[in-house]
Amino acid sequence: MIAIKVINTSNNNLPNYQTEHAAGMDIMAFIAEPILLHPGARILVPSGLFLEIPVGYEIQIRPRSGLAFKHGITVLNSPGTIDADYRGEIKVLLINHGAEAFEIKSGERIAQMILAKHEVINWVPTEELTETNRGKGGYGSTGK
């Protein structure tokens, strides 16, 4: 378990796991007035949360499967990455791929956040790469 400092300026509870073995925590909207998200439209929804993510980690913002399935609401830049040096408010970029307008209310669960460890790349310039059976085969090269 990793400790993360959080400032919660909303009147919502902190994100939490909905089940014992869930990987993601639900993030809630923190807005003054309900937002009507029309089909094809996108909006940045504030959460009222500010985090201090440890170096070597990121927070990934992902869609909630129920909103995606039932209403076509998803996170546009999924998964969105929040870096360890960001100190601004966590906001979620939602888009409506559904056929009807969707109303977002304050306190509504709009996305999931997942803490993910990541490595830092150390580039090694070279003139050649190790050969493999696949080689330069790209999109569709391994079959259907």
N, C-alpha and C. Protein backbone atom coordinates (compact mmCIF):
# COMPACT_ATOMS: atom_id res chain seq x y z
N MET A 1 0.85 -1.17 0.00
CA MET A 1 0.00 0.00 0.00
C MET A 1 0.90 1.24 0.00
N ILE A 2 0.56 2.21 -0.84
CA ILE A 2 1.32 3.45 -0.99
C ILE A 2 0.53 4.59 -0.37
N ALA A 3 1.18 5.42 0.43
CA ALA A 3 0.54 6.60 1.02
C ALA A 3 0.65 7.76 0.04
N ILE A 4 -0.47 8.42 -0.23
CA ILE A 4 -0.49 9.57 -1.13
C ILE A 4 -1.17 10.73 -0.42
N LYS A 5 -0.49 11.88 -0.39
CA LYS A 5 -1.09 13.08 0.19
C LYS A 5 -2.19 13.57 -0.73
N VAL A 6 -3.30 14.01 -0.13
CA VAL A 6 -4.44 14.49 -0.91
C VAL A 6 -5.07 15.70 -0.23
N ILE A 7 -5.43 16.68 -1.03
CA ILE A 7 -6.26 17.80 -0.58
C ILE A 7 -7.60 17.63 -1.27
N ASN A 8 -8.66 17.59 -0.48
CA ASN A 8 -10.01 17.43 -1.02
C ASN A 8 -10.79 18.71 -0.76
N THR A 9 -10.97 19.52 -1.81
CA THR A 9 -11.72 20.78 -1.67
C THR A 9 -13.20 20.59 -1.99
N SER A 10 -13.59 19.36 -2.32
CA SER A 10 -14.99 19.07 -2.64
C SER A 10 -15.74 18.68 -1.37
N ASN A 11 -17.04 18.50 -1.52
CA ASN A 11 -17.83 17.98 -0.41
C ASN A 11 -18.10 16.48 -0.61
N ASN A 12 -17.36 15.86 -1.54
CA ASN A 12 -17.45 14.42 -1.79
C ASN A 12 -16.47 13.67 -0.91
N ASN A 13 -16.75 12.39 -0.68
CA ASN A 13 -15.79 11.53 0.01
C ASN A 13 -14.57 11.35 -0.89
N LEU A 14 -13.45 10.96 -0.29
CA LEU A 14 -12.29 10.62 -1.08
C LEU A 14 -12.60 9.41 -1.95
N PRO A 15 -11.93 9.30 -3.11
CA PRO A 15 -12.13 8.10 -3.94
C PRO A 15 -11.84 6.86 -3.11
N ASN A 16 -12.61 5.80 -3.38
CA ASN A 16 -12.37 4.56 -2.66
C ASN A 16 -12.68 3.38 -3.57
N TYR A 17 -12.20 2.22 -3.14
CA TYR A 17 -12.42 0.99 -3.89
C TYR A 17 -13.84 0.50 -3.60
N GLN A 18 -14.58 0.17 -4.65
CA GLN A 18 -15.97 -0.27 -4.49
C GLN A 18 -16.08 -1.73 -4.09
N THR A 19 -15.05 -2.53 -4.39
CA THR A 19 -15.03 -3.93 -3.98
C THR A 19 -13.65 -4.28 -3.43
N GLU A 20 -13.56 -5.39 -2.77
CA GLU A 20 -12.32 -5.80 -2.08
C GLU A 20 -11.12 -5.90 -3.00
N HIS A 21 -11.30 -6.37 -4.22
CA HIS A 21 -10.16 -6.60 -5.11
C HIS A 21 -10.16 -5.66 -6.32
N ALA A 22 -10.88 -4.55 -6.23
CA ALA A 22 -10.91 -3.58 -7.32
C ALA A 22 -9.54 -2.95 -7.53
N ALA A 23 -9.18 -2.70 -8.78
CA ALA A 23 -7.91 -2.05 -9.11
C ALA A 23 -8.06 -0.53 -9.10
N GLY A 24 -9.24 -0.04 -9.46
CA GLY A 24 -9.46 1.39 -9.58
C GLY A 24 -10.40 1.93 -8.52
N MET A 25 -10.22 3.22 -8.24
CA MET A 25 -11.10 3.95 -7.33
C MET A 25 -11.94 4.91 -8.17
N ASP A 26 -13.19 5.06 -7.81
CA ASP A 26 -14.06 5.98 -8.54
C ASP A 26 -13.80 7.43 -8.16
N ILE A 27 -13.73 8.30 -9.17
CA ILE A 27 -13.61 9.74 -8.98
C ILE A 27 -14.97 10.36 -9.19
N MET A 28 -15.33 11.32 -8.34
CA MET A 28 -16.62 11.98 -8.44
C MET A 28 -16.49 13.40 -8.97
N ALA A 29 -17.51 13.83 -9.67
CA ALA A 29 -17.58 15.20 -10.18
C ALA A 29 -17.78 16.17 -9.02
N PHE A 30 -17.16 17.33 -9.10
CA PHE A 30 -17.37 18.40 -8.13
C PHE A 30 -17.68 19.67 -8.92
N ILE A 31 -18.98 19.90 -9.14
CA ILE A 31 -19.43 21.01 -9.97
C ILE A 31 -20.56 21.76 -9.27
N ALA A 32 -20.65 23.06 -9.55
CA ALA A 32 -21.67 23.91 -8.92
C ALA A 32 -23.06 23.62 -9.46
N GLU A 33 -23.16 23.36 -10.75
CA GLU A 33 -24.44 23.11 -11.43
C GLU A 33 -24.31 21.84 -12.25
N PRO A 34 -25.41 21.10 -12.45
CA PRO A 34 -25.35 19.94 -13.34
C PRO A 34 -24.91 20.36 -14.74
N ILE A 35 -24.22 19.45 -15.42
CA ILE A 35 -23.73 19.69 -16.78
C ILE A 35 -24.46 18.73 -17.71
N LEU A 36 -24.99 19.26 -18.80
CA LEU A 36 -25.63 18.43 -19.81
C LEU A 36 -24.60 18.19 -20.92
N LEU A 37 -24.14 16.95 -21.03
CA LEU A 37 -23.13 16.59 -22.02
C LEU A 37 -23.85 16.01 -23.24
N HIS A 38 -23.87 16.77 -24.32
CA HIS A 38 -24.58 16.39 -25.53
C HIS A 38 -23.78 15.38 -26.35
N PRO A 39 -24.47 14.59 -27.19
CA PRO A 39 -23.76 13.62 -28.04
C PRO A 39 -22.66 14.31 -28.85
N GLY A 40 -21.48 13.71 -28.84
CA GLY A 40 -20.33 14.24 -29.57
C GLY A 40 -19.57 15.32 -28.84
N ALA A 41 -20.12 15.82 -27.75
CA ALA A 41 -19.46 16.91 -26.99
C ALA A 41 -18.48 16.33 -25.98
N ARG A 42 -17.53 17.15 -25.59
CA ARG A 42 -16.56 16.77 -24.56
C ARG A 42 -16.46 17.91 -23.55
N ILE A 43 -16.06 17.55 -22.33
CA ILE A 43 -15.96 18.54 -21.27
C ILE A 43 -14.93 18.09 -20.24
N LEU A 44 -14.28 19.05 -19.62
CA LEU A 44 -13.33 18.79 -18.55
C LEU A 44 -14.07 18.96 -17.22
N VAL A 45 -14.21 17.88 -16.47
CA VAL A 45 -15.01 17.88 -15.24
C VAL A 45 -14.08 17.91 -14.02
N PRO A 46 -14.20 18.94 -13.18
CA PRO A 46 -13.36 19.03 -11.98
C PRO A 46 -13.77 18.01 -10.91
N SER A 47 -12.79 17.65 -10.07
CA SER A 47 -13.04 16.69 -8.98
C SER A 47 -12.87 17.31 -7.60
N GLY A 48 -12.17 18.45 -7.51
CA GLY A 48 -11.87 19.02 -6.20
C GLY A 48 -10.70 18.33 -5.51
N LEU A 49 -10.02 17.43 -6.21
CA LEU A 49 -8.90 16.68 -5.62
C LEU A 49 -7.56 17.19 -6.14
N PHE A 50 -6.60 17.28 -5.23
CA PHE A 50 -5.22 17.65 -5.54
C PHE A 50 -4.35 16.59 -4.88
N LEU A 51 -3.42 16.00 -5.65
CA LEU A 51 -2.64 14.87 -5.15
C LEU A 51 -1.14 15.15 -5.18
N GLU A 52 -0.42 14.46 -4.32
CA GLU A 52 1.04 14.44 -4.37
C GLU A 52 1.44 12.98 -4.64
N ILE A 53 1.64 12.69 -5.92
CA ILE A 53 1.93 11.34 -6.36
C ILE A 53 3.43 11.07 -6.18
N PRO A 54 3.80 9.94 -5.61
CA PRO A 54 5.22 9.65 -5.41
C PRO A 54 5.96 9.52 -6.74
N VAL A 55 7.23 9.93 -6.75
CA VAL A 55 8.08 9.78 -7.92
C VAL A 55 8.17 8.29 -8.26
N GLY A 56 8.10 7.97 -9.55
CA GLY A 56 8.12 6.59 -9.99
C GLY A 56 6.72 6.01 -10.20
N TYR A 57 5.69 6.83 -9.92
CA TYR A 57 4.30 6.41 -10.09
C TYR A 57 3.56 7.44 -10.93
N GLU A 58 2.43 7.00 -11.45
CA GLU A 58 1.49 7.89 -12.12
C GLU A 58 0.10 7.49 -11.67
N ILE A 59 -0.85 8.40 -11.82
CA ILE A 59 -2.26 8.06 -11.66
C ILE A 59 -2.82 7.98 -13.07
N GLN A 60 -3.49 6.88 -13.39
CA GLN A 60 -4.16 6.74 -14.68
C GLN A 60 -5.65 6.98 -14.48
N ILE A 61 -6.24 7.76 -15.37
CA ILE A 61 -7.67 8.03 -15.35
C ILE A 61 -8.31 7.22 -16.46
N ARG A 62 -9.28 6.39 -16.09
CA ARG A 62 -9.92 5.48 -17.04
C ARG A 62 -11.43 5.61 -16.95
N PRO A 63 -12.12 5.16 -18.00
CA PRO A 63 -13.59 5.22 -17.99
C PRO A 63 -14.19 4.27 -16.96
N ARG A 64 -15.40 4.56 -16.57
CA ARG A 64 -16.20 3.61 -15.79
C ARG A 64 -16.99 2.77 -16.78
N SER A 65 -16.91 1.47 -16.66
CA SER A 65 -17.53 0.59 -17.64
C SER A 65 -19.04 0.77 -17.72
N GLY A 66 -19.70 1.00 -16.60
CA GLY A 66 -21.15 1.19 -16.61
C GLY A 66 -21.58 2.43 -17.39
N LEU A 67 -20.87 3.53 -17.22
CA LEU A 67 -21.19 4.76 -17.97
C LEU A 67 -20.94 4.56 -19.46
N ALA A 68 -19.87 3.85 -19.78
CA ALA A 68 -19.55 3.60 -21.19
C ALA A 68 -20.62 2.71 -21.83
N PHE A 69 -20.98 1.63 -21.15
CA PHE A 69 -21.94 0.68 -21.70
C PHE A 69 -23.35 1.26 -21.78
N LYS A 70 -23.81 1.86 -20.70
CA LYS A 70 -25.20 2.33 -20.64
C LYS A 70 -25.44 3.64 -21.37
N HIS A 71 -24.43 4.53 -21.40
CA HIS A 71 -24.66 5.89 -21.92
C HIS A 71 -23.66 6.34 -22.98
N GLY A 72 -22.61 5.57 -23.24
CA GLY A 72 -21.60 5.98 -24.21
C GLY A 72 -20.67 7.06 -23.69
N ILE A 73 -20.60 7.23 -22.36
CA ILE A 73 -19.74 8.24 -21.74
C ILE A 73 -18.39 7.60 -21.44
N THR A 74 -17.31 8.22 -21.92
CA THR A 74 -15.99 7.64 -21.71
C THR A 74 -14.96 8.76 -21.50
N VAL A 75 -13.78 8.37 -21.08
CA VAL A 75 -12.66 9.30 -20.91
C VAL A 75 -11.99 9.43 -22.27
N LEU A 76 -11.90 10.65 -22.78
CA LEU A 76 -11.43 10.88 -24.15
C LEU A 76 -9.97 10.48 -24.34
N ASN A 77 -9.11 10.82 -23.43
CA ASN A 77 -7.68 10.49 -23.57
C ASN A 77 -7.32 9.30 -22.70
N SER A 78 -8.07 8.23 -22.86
CA SER A 78 -7.95 7.10 -21.96
C SER A 78 -6.80 6.15 -22.34
N PRO A 79 -5.97 5.74 -21.39
CA PRO A 79 -5.99 6.26 -20.04
C PRO A 79 -5.25 7.59 -19.97
N GLY A 80 -5.81 8.53 -19.26
CA GLY A 80 -5.14 9.80 -19.02
C GLY A 80 -4.07 9.60 -17.96
N THR A 81 -2.96 10.28 -18.09
CA THR A 81 -1.86 10.15 -17.14
C THR A 81 -1.71 11.42 -16.32
N ILE A 82 -1.60 11.26 -15.01
CA ILE A 82 -1.29 12.37 -14.11
C ILE A 82 0.09 12.07 -13.56
N ASP A 83 1.03 12.95 -13.86
CA ASP A 83 2.43 12.76 -13.49
C ASP A 83 2.69 13.15 -12.04
N ALA A 84 3.79 12.63 -11.50
CA ALA A 84 4.16 12.85 -10.10
C ALA A 84 4.44 14.31 -9.79
N ASP A 85 4.82 15.12 -10.78
CA ASP A 85 5.13 16.52 -10.49
C ASP A 85 3.94 17.47 -10.71
N TYR A 86 2.77 16.94 -11.06
CA TYR A 86 1.57 17.78 -11.24
C TYR A 86 0.92 18.03 -9.89
N ARG A 87 0.59 19.29 -9.61
CA ARG A 87 -0.03 19.64 -8.34
C ARG A 87 -1.38 20.34 -8.50
N GLY A 88 -1.88 20.41 -9.72
CA GLY A 88 -3.16 21.06 -9.95
C GLY A 88 -4.32 20.13 -9.65
N GLU A 89 -5.52 20.66 -9.83
CA GLU A 89 -6.73 19.87 -9.58
C GLU A 89 -6.86 18.74 -10.59
N ILE A 90 -7.28 17.58 -10.13
CA ILE A 90 -7.55 16.46 -11.01
C ILE A 90 -8.87 16.75 -11.73
N LYS A 91 -8.80 16.76 -13.06
CA LYS A 91 -9.99 16.96 -13.88
C LYS A 91 -10.08 15.80 -14.87
N VAL A 92 -11.30 15.46 -15.24
CA VAL A 92 -11.53 14.30 -16.10
C VAL A 92 -12.13 14.78 -17.41
N LEU A 93 -11.49 14.39 -18.53
CA LEU A 93 -11.95 14.76 -19.86
C LEU A 93 -12.93 13.71 -20.36
N LEU A 94 -14.22 14.05 -20.31
CA LEU A 94 -15.27 13.12 -20.73
C LEU A 94 -15.78 13.48 -22.12
N ILE A 95 -16.23 12.45 -22.85
CA ILE A 95 -16.89 12.64 -24.14
C ILE A 95 -18.13 11.77 -24.17
N ASN A 96 -19.15 12.25 -24.86
CA ASN A 96 -20.40 11.51 -25.00
C ASN A 96 -20.45 10.89 -26.38
N HIS A 97 -20.24 9.58 -26.46
CA HIS A 97 -20.35 8.84 -27.71
C HIS A 97 -21.76 8.27 -27.88
N GLY A 98 -22.63 8.56 -26.92
CA GLY A 98 -23.99 8.03 -26.96
C GLY A 98 -24.90 8.82 -27.89
N ALA A 99 -26.14 8.38 -27.98
CA ALA A 99 -27.13 9.01 -28.86
C ALA A 99 -27.94 10.09 -28.15
N GLU A 100 -27.87 10.15 -26.82
CA GLU A 100 -28.66 11.11 -26.05
C GLU A 100 -27.76 11.93 -25.14
N ALA A 101 -28.24 13.13 -24.79
CA ALA A 101 -27.53 13.98 -23.83
C ALA A 101 -27.48 13.26 -22.48
N PHE A 102 -26.40 13.50 -21.74
CA PHE A 102 -26.21 12.87 -20.44
C PHE A 102 -25.96 13.95 -19.40
N GLU A 103 -26.71 13.90 -18.31
CA GLU A 103 -26.56 14.90 -17.25
C GLU A 103 -25.57 14.42 -16.20
N ILE A 104 -24.57 15.25 -15.93
CA ILE A 104 -23.56 14.97 -14.91
C ILE A 104 -23.90 15.84 -13.71
N LYS A 105 -24.02 15.23 -12.55
CA LYS A 105 -24.34 15.95 -11.32
C LYS A 105 -23.14 15.89 -10.38
N SER A 106 -23.03 16.88 -9.52
CA SER A 106 -21.96 16.87 -8.53
C SER A 106 -22.12 15.63 -7.65
N GLY A 107 -21.00 14.97 -7.37
CA GLY A 107 -21.02 13.76 -6.56
C GLY A 107 -21.16 12.49 -7.38
N GLU A 108 -21.44 12.63 -8.68
CA GLU A 108 -21.59 11.45 -9.54
C GLU A 108 -20.22 10.84 -9.84
N ARG A 109 -20.14 9.52 -9.81
CA ARG A 109 -18.90 8.81 -10.14
C ARG A 109 -18.72 8.86 -11.66
N ILE A 110 -17.62 9.51 -12.11
CA ILE A 110 -17.45 9.77 -13.54
C ILE A 110 -16.29 9.03 -14.18
N ALA A 111 -15.36 8.53 -13.38
CA ALA A 111 -14.18 7.84 -13.93
C ALA A 111 -13.52 7.03 -12.82
N GLN A 112 -12.49 6.30 -13.20
CA GLN A 112 -11.69 5.55 -12.23
C GLN A 112 -10.26 6.06 -12.25
N MET A 113 -9.61 5.98 -11.09
CA MET A 113 -8.19 6.28 -11.03
C MET A 113 -7.45 5.04 -10.55
N ILE A 114 -6.30 4.81 -11.19
CA ILE A 114 -5.46 3.67 -10.85
C ILE A 114 -4.04 4.18 -10.63
N LEU A 115 -3.42 3.76 -9.54
CA LEU A 115 -2.02 4.08 -9.28
C LEU A 115 -1.17 3.05 -10.01
N ALA A 116 -0.23 3.53 -10.82
CA ALA A 116 0.62 2.62 -11.60
C ALA A 116 2.08 3.01 -11.46
N LYS A 117 2.92 2.02 -11.19
CA LYS A 117 4.37 2.23 -11.14
C LYS A 117 4.89 2.28 -12.57
N HIS A 118 5.88 3.09 -12.81
CA HIS A 118 6.48 3.14 -14.14
C HIS A 118 7.99 3.24 -14.03
N GLU A 119 8.65 2.84 -15.08
CA GLU A 119 10.11 2.90 -15.15
C GLU A 119 10.53 4.16 -15.91
N VAL A 120 11.76 4.56 -15.73
CA VAL A 120 12.33 5.69 -16.45
C VAL A 120 13.30 5.13 -17.49
N ILE A 121 13.19 5.60 -18.72
CA ILE A 121 14.02 5.09 -19.82
C ILE A 121 15.41 5.72 -19.78
N ASN A 122 16.41 4.89 -19.97
CA ASN A 122 17.78 5.33 -20.18
C ASN A 122 18.14 4.90 -21.60
N TRP A 123 18.13 5.84 -22.55
CA TRP A 123 18.40 5.51 -23.96
C TRP A 123 19.84 5.04 -24.15
N VAL A 124 20.01 4.01 -24.99
CA VAL A 124 21.32 3.50 -25.35
C VAL A 124 21.43 3.60 -26.87
N PRO A 125 22.02 4.69 -27.39
CA PRO A 125 22.15 4.84 -28.84
C PRO A 125 22.95 3.68 -29.44
N THR A 126 22.50 3.20 -30.59
CA THR A 126 23.15 2.07 -31.24
C THR A 126 22.91 2.17 -32.75
N GLU A 127 23.59 1.35 -33.51
CA GLU A 127 23.42 1.31 -34.97
C GLU A 127 22.58 0.12 -35.41
N GLU A 128 22.37 -0.86 -34.50
CA GLU A 128 21.56 -2.02 -34.86
C GLU A 128 20.84 -2.57 -33.64
N LEU A 129 19.74 -3.29 -33.91
CA LEU A 129 18.95 -3.91 -32.85
C LEU A 129 19.04 -5.42 -32.97
N THR A 130 18.81 -6.12 -31.87
CA THR A 130 18.80 -7.58 -31.86
C THR A 130 17.70 -8.08 -32.79
N GLU A 131 18.02 -9.08 -33.61
CA GLU A 131 17.03 -9.63 -34.53
C GLU A 131 16.07 -10.55 -33.80
N THR A 132 14.81 -10.58 -34.29
CA THR A 132 13.78 -11.48 -33.77
C THR A 132 13.08 -12.16 -34.93
N ASN A 133 12.26 -13.19 -34.66
CA ASN A 133 11.49 -13.84 -35.71
C ASN A 133 10.51 -12.87 -36.36
N ARG A 134 9.92 -12.00 -35.59
CA ARG A 134 8.94 -11.04 -36.11
C ARG A 134 9.61 -9.97 -36.94
N GLY A 135 10.76 -9.52 -36.51
CA GLY A 135 11.48 -8.48 -37.25
C GLY A 135 10.71 -7.19 -37.35
N LYS A 136 10.56 -6.66 -38.57
CA LYS A 136 9.90 -5.38 -38.79
C LYS A 136 8.40 -5.52 -39.04
N GLY A 137 7.85 -6.73 -38.88
CA GLY A 137 6.42 -6.95 -39.11
C GLY A 137 5.58 -6.10 -38.17
N GLY A 138 4.72 -5.28 -38.75
CA GLY A 138 3.91 -4.35 -37.96
C GLY A 138 2.46 -4.77 -37.88
N TYR A 139 1.58 -3.80 -38.06
CA TYR A 139 0.14 -4.01 -37.94
C TYR A 139 -0.33 -5.20 -38.75
N GLY A 140 -0.96 -6.16 -38.07
CA GLY A 140 -1.53 -7.33 -38.74
C GLY A 140 -0.54 -8.37 -39.18
N SER A 141 0.73 -8.21 -38.86
CA SER A 141 1.75 -9.14 -39.37
C SER A 141 1.73 -10.50 -38.68
N THR A 142 1.06 -10.60 -37.51
CA THR A 142 1.04 -11.87 -36.80
C THR A 142 -0.26 -12.64 -37.02
N GLY A 143 -1.10 -12.20 -37.93
CA GLY A 143 -2.35 -12.90 -38.23
C GLY A 143 -3.56 -12.05 -37.94
N LYS A 144 -4.73 -12.69 -37.93
CA LYS A 144 -6.00 -11.97 -37.72
C LYS A 144 -6.13 -11.43 -36.34
